[in-house]
Amino acid sequence: MLTTRTALLGAALLCLAALSIFAVARLTDIDLYLADALYDRAAGAFPWRDAWLTDTFSHRILKAALTVLAAACIATAIGDAIWPQVLGGRLLSRLRLRVIAWSAALVPLVISLLKQNSDAHCPWDLARYGGSQPYVRLFDTLPPDVLPGHCLPAGHASSALWLISLAVLWLPGQERKASRAAAAALALGLAVGWMQQMRGAHFLTHTLWSVCIACGIVLTLVMLLQPSHKRAVATVRMTNVVSEKKSAP
């Protein structure tokens, strides 16, 4: 689905994106500017924290729907592994399904594990926004009496970001459609992440880290799973050649 050259270019762009996010987090106050704009100091709260759109719809209904979709993709891939006839023996379809299923499992899992081991606090936990914790920049050491915040990267956005893997449905051969599908998935993931920012649950860079990680996971899965597809294709071709020779008069 991807050539080595394309994969290396993608990896280079992701590294550049990661360095850019790091620079933004370390050298600018954009996270604080955006959170300040969303915070109502007079009320001492984020007005969107318990709103229907951001809480009930985005954080509950939409997340549940995306989780069910992810589970369905994973279940279909498991079913195909047990009963290969599910996809009628179409090897490329099987490769696409496995990339999507692994992405549906690993993107939320990896981001959740990273989040559980991070020091960063959510905006609503900070003293600046009515909480009790100090604001600490990325990779700075927490004060001795402050516990880790476990809020980086953005976990909720990952429930949508695995959809980036759907781009493989148009690879190879329809790169423009694949790019549009990836862009649509990114837009959804960013929208979900933004609604969490509106609630005071995350900073902008938290969401951007999730985007970068999700793209890296999908790219890695494509490159890891492609070789097995190539071997399967070669095996089928060899089998067909042997069958044709045996049936030849």
Protein backbone atom coordinates (compact mmCIF):
# COMPACT_ATOMS: atom_id res chain seq x y z
CA MET A 1 0.00 0.00 0.00
CA LEU A 2 2.93 2.31 0.67
CA THR A 3 6.37 2.31 -0.88
CA THR A 4 9.41 2.53 1.36
CA ARG A 5 10.10 6.01 0.01
CA THR A 6 6.59 7.21 0.85
CA ALA A 7 6.80 5.66 4.32
CA LEU A 8 10.13 7.35 5.02
CA LEU A 9 8.71 10.67 3.86
CA GLY A 10 5.73 10.18 6.15
CA ALA A 11 8.00 9.31 9.06
CA ALA A 12 10.12 12.40 8.42
CA LEU A 13 7.02 14.61 8.37
CA LEU A 14 5.81 13.07 11.64
CA CYS A 15 9.18 13.73 13.26
CA LEU A 16 9.00 17.33 12.06
CA ALA A 17 5.46 17.60 13.43
CA ALA A 18 6.58 16.20 16.79
CA LEU A 19 9.43 18.71 17.01
CA SER A 20 7.01 21.52 16.13
CA ILE A 21 4.52 20.47 18.82
CA PHE A 22 7.36 20.22 21.33
CA ALA A 23 8.53 23.73 20.42
CA VAL A 24 4.99 25.11 20.72
CA ALA A 25 4.53 23.48 24.13
CA ARG A 26 7.90 24.63 25.45
CA LEU A 27 8.31 28.06 23.88
CA THR A 28 4.82 29.53 23.56
CA ASP A 29 1.78 30.13 25.73
CA ILE A 30 -0.81 29.12 23.13
CA ASP A 31 -2.20 26.44 25.45
CA LEU A 32 -2.82 29.02 28.15
CA TYR A 33 -4.18 31.63 25.72
CA LEU A 34 -6.80 29.22 24.38
CA ALA A 35 -7.72 27.91 27.83
CA ASP A 36 -7.98 31.50 29.13
CA ALA A 37 -10.38 32.31 26.30
CA LEU A 38 -12.58 29.35 27.20
CA TYR A 39 -12.52 29.97 30.95
CA ASP A 40 -15.07 32.25 32.61
CA ARG A 41 -13.19 33.95 35.44
CA ALA A 42 -16.30 35.62 36.80
CA ALA A 43 -18.02 32.25 37.22
CA GLY A 44 -14.78 30.46 38.11
CA ALA A 45 -15.49 27.63 35.67
CA PHE A 46 -15.34 26.42 32.07
CA PRO A 47 -18.89 27.15 30.81
CA TRP A 48 -18.78 24.22 28.38
CA ARG A 49 -17.68 21.65 30.96
CA ASP A 50 -21.13 20.15 31.51
CA ALA A 51 -22.84 21.31 28.31
CA TRP A 52 -24.86 18.74 26.36
CA LEU A 53 -22.76 19.08 23.19
CA THR A 54 -19.36 18.66 24.83
CA ASP A 55 -20.24 16.34 27.70
CA THR A 56 -23.28 14.21 26.86
CA PHE A 57 -22.90 14.09 23.08
CA SER A 58 -19.14 14.21 22.49
CA HIS A 59 -17.80 12.58 25.63
CA ARG A 60 -20.51 9.94 25.97
CA ILE A 61 -22.68 9.30 22.91
CA LEU A 62 -20.07 9.90 20.20
CA LYS A 63 -17.35 8.09 22.15
CA ALA A 64 -19.65 5.09 22.68
CA ALA A 65 -20.52 4.98 18.98
CA LEU A 66 -16.85 5.15 17.95
CA THR A 67 -15.96 2.46 20.49
CA VAL A 68 -18.66 0.16 19.08
CA LEU A 69 -17.36 0.79 15.55
CA ALA A 70 -13.80 0.01 16.67
CA ALA A 71 -14.98 -3.20 18.37
CA ALA A 72 -16.83 -4.22 15.21
CA CYS A 73 -13.68 -3.76 13.11
CA ILE A 74 -11.62 -5.78 15.57
CA ALA A 75 -14.25 -8.53 15.74
CA THR A 76 -14.41 -8.70 11.94
CA ALA A 77 -10.62 -9.04 11.72
CA ILE A 78 -10.64 -11.81 14.34
CA GLY A 79 -13.46 -13.54 12.45
CA ASP A 80 -11.47 -13.34 9.23
CA ALA A 81 -8.40 -14.77 10.95
CA ILE A 82 -10.46 -17.75 12.18
CA TRP A 83 -12.61 -18.15 9.07
CA PRO A 84 -10.65 -16.69 6.11
CA GLN A 85 -13.64 -17.17 3.81
CA VAL A 86 -15.24 -14.09 5.42
CA LEU A 87 -13.45 -11.91 2.88
CA GLY A 88 -13.61 -14.46 0.11
CA GLY A 89 -9.85 -14.90 0.01
CA ARG A 90 -9.16 -11.33 -1.10
CA LEU A 91 -5.68 -10.75 0.26
CA LEU A 92 -5.61 -6.96 -0.14
CA SER A 93 -8.95 -6.64 1.64
CA ARG A 94 -7.54 -8.75 4.46
CA LEU A 95 -4.49 -6.51 4.76
CA ARG A 96 -6.66 -3.38 4.87
CA LEU A 97 -8.92 -4.92 7.50
CA ARG A 98 -5.99 -5.87 9.70
CA VAL A 99 -4.46 -2.39 9.52
CA ILE A 100 -7.79 -0.87 10.51
CA ALA A 101 -8.43 -3.39 13.30
CA TRP A 102 -4.97 -3.04 14.80
CA SER A 103 -5.29 0.73 14.61
CA ALA A 104 -8.68 0.61 16.34
CA ALA A 105 -7.05 -1.34 19.17
CA LEU A 106 -3.62 0.25 19.44
CA VAL A 107 -4.28 3.96 18.94
CA PRO A 108 -6.55 4.30 22.01
CA LEU A 109 -4.45 1.80 24.00
CA VAL A 110 -1.06 3.41 23.39
CA ILE A 111 -2.39 6.92 24.00
CA SER A 112 -4.11 5.75 27.19
CA LEU A 113 -0.89 4.15 28.48
CA LEU A 114 1.12 7.28 27.73
CA LYS A 115 -1.53 9.39 29.44
CA GLN A 116 -1.47 7.22 32.57
CA ASN A 117 2.29 7.72 32.85
CA SER A 118 2.44 11.48 32.21
CA ASP A 119 3.00 14.25 34.72
CA ALA A 120 0.90 16.88 32.92
CA HIS A 121 -2.29 18.15 34.53
CA CYS A 122 -5.58 18.99 32.84
CA PRO A 123 -6.50 22.68 32.70
CA TRP A 124 -9.41 22.29 35.14
CA ASP A 125 -6.96 20.91 37.73
CA LEU A 126 -4.72 23.98 37.62
CA ALA A 127 -4.84 26.81 40.14
CA ARG A 128 -5.09 29.20 37.19
CA TYR A 129 -8.52 27.72 36.42
CA GLY A 130 -9.93 27.13 39.87
CA GLY A 131 -8.01 23.95 40.71
CA SER A 132 -5.06 23.47 43.01
CA GLN A 133 -2.16 22.33 40.82
CA PRO A 134 0.67 24.44 39.33
CA TYR A 135 1.14 24.80 35.59
CA VAL A 136 4.25 22.89 34.51
CA ARG A 137 5.55 22.85 30.95
CA LEU A 138 6.30 19.67 29.02
CA PHE A 139 9.25 17.72 30.48
CA ASP A 140 9.69 20.13 33.41
CA THR A 141 9.96 18.44 36.81
CA LEU A 142 6.94 18.59 39.07
CA PRO A 143 7.38 20.21 42.50
CA PRO A 144 8.07 17.58 45.20
CA ASP A 145 4.60 17.83 46.75
CA VAL A 146 2.65 17.64 43.48
CA LEU A 147 1.31 14.34 42.14
CA PRO A 148 1.30 13.53 38.40
CA GLY A 149 -1.76 14.73 36.50
CA HIS A 150 -2.01 11.90 33.92
CA CYS A 151 -3.48 14.21 31.25
CA LEU A 152 -1.11 14.06 28.26
CA PRO A 153 -1.81 13.11 25.46
CA ALA A 154 -5.55 13.61 24.93
CA GLY A 155 -7.31 10.30 25.49
CA HIS A 156 -10.78 11.18 24.27
CA ALA A 157 -9.51 12.31 20.86
CA SER A 158 -8.00 8.86 20.34
CA SER A 159 -11.50 7.38 20.18
CA ALA A 160 -11.79 9.07 16.78
CA LEU A 161 -8.18 9.27 15.60
CA TRP A 162 -7.88 5.54 14.79
CA LEU A 163 -10.23 6.33 11.87
CA ILE A 164 -7.18 7.72 10.06
CA SER A 165 -6.48 4.09 9.19
CA LEU A 166 -9.59 4.03 6.95
CA ALA A 167 -7.42 5.75 4.35
CA VAL A 168 -5.97 2.32 3.49
CA LEU A 169 -9.32 1.40 1.90
CA TRP A 170 -8.21 3.50 -1.08
CA LEU A 171 -4.59 2.34 -1.17
CA PRO A 172 -2.92 1.63 -3.45
CA GLY A 173 -4.14 3.40 -6.54
CA GLN A 174 -6.52 6.06 -5.20
CA GLU A 175 -4.19 8.29 -3.23
CA ARG A 176 -6.37 11.40 -3.47
CA LYS A 177 -9.36 9.60 -1.95
CA ALA A 178 -7.09 8.13 0.71
CA SER A 179 -5.81 11.61 1.55
CA ARG A 180 -9.35 12.95 1.79
CA ALA A 181 -10.39 10.09 4.07
CA ALA A 182 -7.38 10.71 6.32
CA ALA A 183 -8.11 14.45 6.37
CA ALA A 184 -11.75 13.81 7.32
CA ALA A 185 -10.67 11.51 10.15
CA LEU A 186 -8.14 14.08 11.36
CA ALA A 187 -10.82 16.76 11.28
CA LEU A 188 -13.13 14.59 13.39
CA GLY A 189 -10.33 13.80 15.85
CA LEU A 190 -9.42 17.48 16.16
CA ALA A 191 -13.09 18.41 16.62
CA VAL A 192 -13.48 15.84 19.39
CA GLY A 193 -10.26 17.10 20.97
CA TRP A 194 -11.44 20.72 20.70
CA MET A 195 -14.67 19.91 22.52
CA GLN A 196 -12.59 18.50 25.36
CA GLN A 197 -10.56 21.70 25.36
CA MET A 198 -13.81 23.64 25.62
CA ARG A 199 -14.61 21.65 28.75
CA GLY A 200 -11.20 22.40 30.26
CA ALA A 201 -10.17 18.75 30.03
CA HIS A 202 -7.14 19.25 27.76
CA PHE A 203 -4.80 21.79 26.21
CA LEU A 204 -4.33 22.16 22.45
CA THR A 205 -0.93 20.46 22.48
CA HIS A 206 -2.44 17.46 24.26
CA THR A 207 -4.66 16.89 21.24
CA LEU A 208 -1.86 17.56 18.77
CA TRP A 209 0.31 14.93 20.46
CA SER A 210 -2.53 12.43 20.11
CA VAL A 211 -2.81 13.22 16.40
CA CYS A 212 0.92 12.75 15.87
CA ILE A 213 0.99 9.47 17.82
CA ALA A 214 -2.06 8.09 16.01
CA CYS A 215 -0.55 8.85 12.59
CA GLY A 216 2.71 7.23 13.66
CA ILE A 217 0.93 4.07 14.81
CA VAL A 218 -1.05 3.73 11.58
CA LEU A 219 2.04 4.28 9.43
CA THR A 220 4.00 1.73 11.46
CA LEU A 221 1.22 -0.85 11.17
CA VAL A 222 1.07 -0.48 7.40
CA MET A 223 4.80 -1.04 7.07
CA LEU A 224 4.81 -3.98 9.49
CA LEU A 225 1.84 -5.76 7.94
CA GLN A 226 2.71 -5.23 4.26
CA PRO A 227 5.47 -7.88 4.12
CA SER A 228 3.09 -10.67 5.20
CA HIS A 229 0.71 -9.58 2.43
CA LYS A 230 3.51 -9.72 -0.13
CA ARG A 231 4.46 -13.22 1.02
CA ALA A 232 0.82 -14.34 0.81
CA VAL A 233 0.52 -12.96 -2.73
CA ALA A 234 3.74 -14.70 -3.75
CA THR A 235 2.50 -17.98 -2.28
CA VAL A 236 -0.81 -17.74 -4.14
CA ARG A 237 0.96 -16.99 -7.40
CA MET A 238 3.33 -19.89 -6.95
CA THR A 239 0.42 -22.21 -6.15
CA ASN A 240 -1.39 -21.05 -9.28
CA VAL A 241 1.70 -21.62 -11.42
CA VAL A 242 2.14 -25.16 -10.04
CA SER A 243 -1.55 -25.91 -10.61
CA GLU A 244 -1.39 -24.68 -14.18
CA LYS A 245 1.68 -26.84 -14.90
CA LYS A 246 -0.03 -29.92 -13.46
CA SER A 247 -3.16 -29.33 -15.48
CA ALA A 248 -1.26 -28.62 -18.70
CA PRO A 249 -1.49 -31.48 -21.28
